[in-house]
Amino acid sequence: MTRVIEYWKKHSEKGVRRLRSNNLDDNLLRDVMIQEVVDRIKGKTTEEMHEEFGIKND
């Protein structure tokens, strides 16, 4: 999430105030967000991933 926050800070300084969810600087922001999820689950067991994201396994 740090990278996402850094991205928003950088671009808000340039006057970007509003971005629609389907137009979030398409590829760059999407890639940063996907990488954040990958970093959070890399090397974890299924149980650890459930705990990380608060997923209850019924």
Protein backbone atom coordinates (compact mmCIF):
# COMPACT_ATOMS: atom_id res chain seq x y z
CA MET A 1 0.00 0.00 0.00
CA THR A 2 2.95 2.33 0.50
CA ARG A 3 3.53 2.42 -3.24
CA VAL A 4 -0.13 3.26 -3.87
CA ILE A 5 0.04 6.15 -1.39
CA GLU A 6 3.27 7.41 -2.96
CA TYR A 7 1.63 7.24 -6.40
CA TRP A 8 -1.37 9.29 -5.23
CA LYS A 9 0.81 11.89 -3.51
CA LYS A 10 2.93 12.33 -6.61
CA HIS A 11 -0.03 12.70 -8.93
CA SER A 12 -2.12 14.88 -6.61
CA GLU A 13 0.71 17.43 -6.66
CA LYS A 14 0.16 17.69 -10.41
CA GLY A 15 -3.47 18.66 -9.87
CA VAL A 16 -5.13 15.30 -10.28
CA ARG A 17 -8.15 15.55 -8.00
CA ARG A 18 -10.54 12.87 -9.21
CA LEU A 19 -10.03 9.63 -11.02
CA ARG A 20 -12.85 7.23 -11.80
CA SER A 21 -12.33 3.57 -10.91
CA ASN A 22 -12.29 2.59 -14.58
CA ASN A 23 -9.72 5.27 -15.40
CA LEU A 24 -7.13 4.93 -12.62
CA ASP A 25 -4.22 5.65 -14.90
CA ASP A 26 -5.14 2.24 -16.21
CA ASN A 27 -2.01 0.11 -16.31
CA LEU A 28 0.32 1.78 -13.82
CA LEU A 29 -1.96 1.94 -10.80
CA ARG A 30 -3.47 -1.48 -11.52
CA ASP A 31 0.02 -2.99 -11.73
CA VAL A 32 1.07 -1.34 -8.45
CA MET A 33 -2.03 -2.66 -6.70
CA ILE A 34 -1.59 -6.18 -8.09
CA GLN A 35 2.06 -6.21 -7.01
CA GLU A 36 1.02 -5.16 -3.50
CA VAL A 37 -1.31 -8.17 -3.25
CA VAL A 38 1.37 -10.49 -4.65
CA ASP A 39 3.87 -9.19 -2.09
CA ARG A 40 1.40 -9.78 0.73
CA ILE A 41 0.70 -13.43 -0.19
CA LYS A 42 4.04 -14.56 -1.56
CA GLY A 43 5.36 -17.58 0.33
CA LYS A 44 2.30 -17.88 2.59
CA THR A 45 0.20 -20.94 3.18
CA THR A 46 -3.52 -20.92 2.43
CA GLU A 47 -4.21 -20.50 6.13
CA GLU A 48 -1.82 -17.53 6.38
CA MET A 49 -3.48 -15.89 3.35
CA HIS A 50 -6.90 -16.34 4.96
CA GLU A 51 -5.57 -14.66 8.10
CA GLU A 52 -3.90 -11.84 6.11
CA PHE A 53 -7.15 -10.90 4.36
CA GLY A 54 -9.64 -11.86 7.09
CA ILE A 55 -11.16 -14.71 5.07
CA LYS A 56 -13.25 -17.20 7.02
CA ASN A 57 -13.19 -20.72 5.64
CA ASP A 58 -16.48 -22.44 6.36
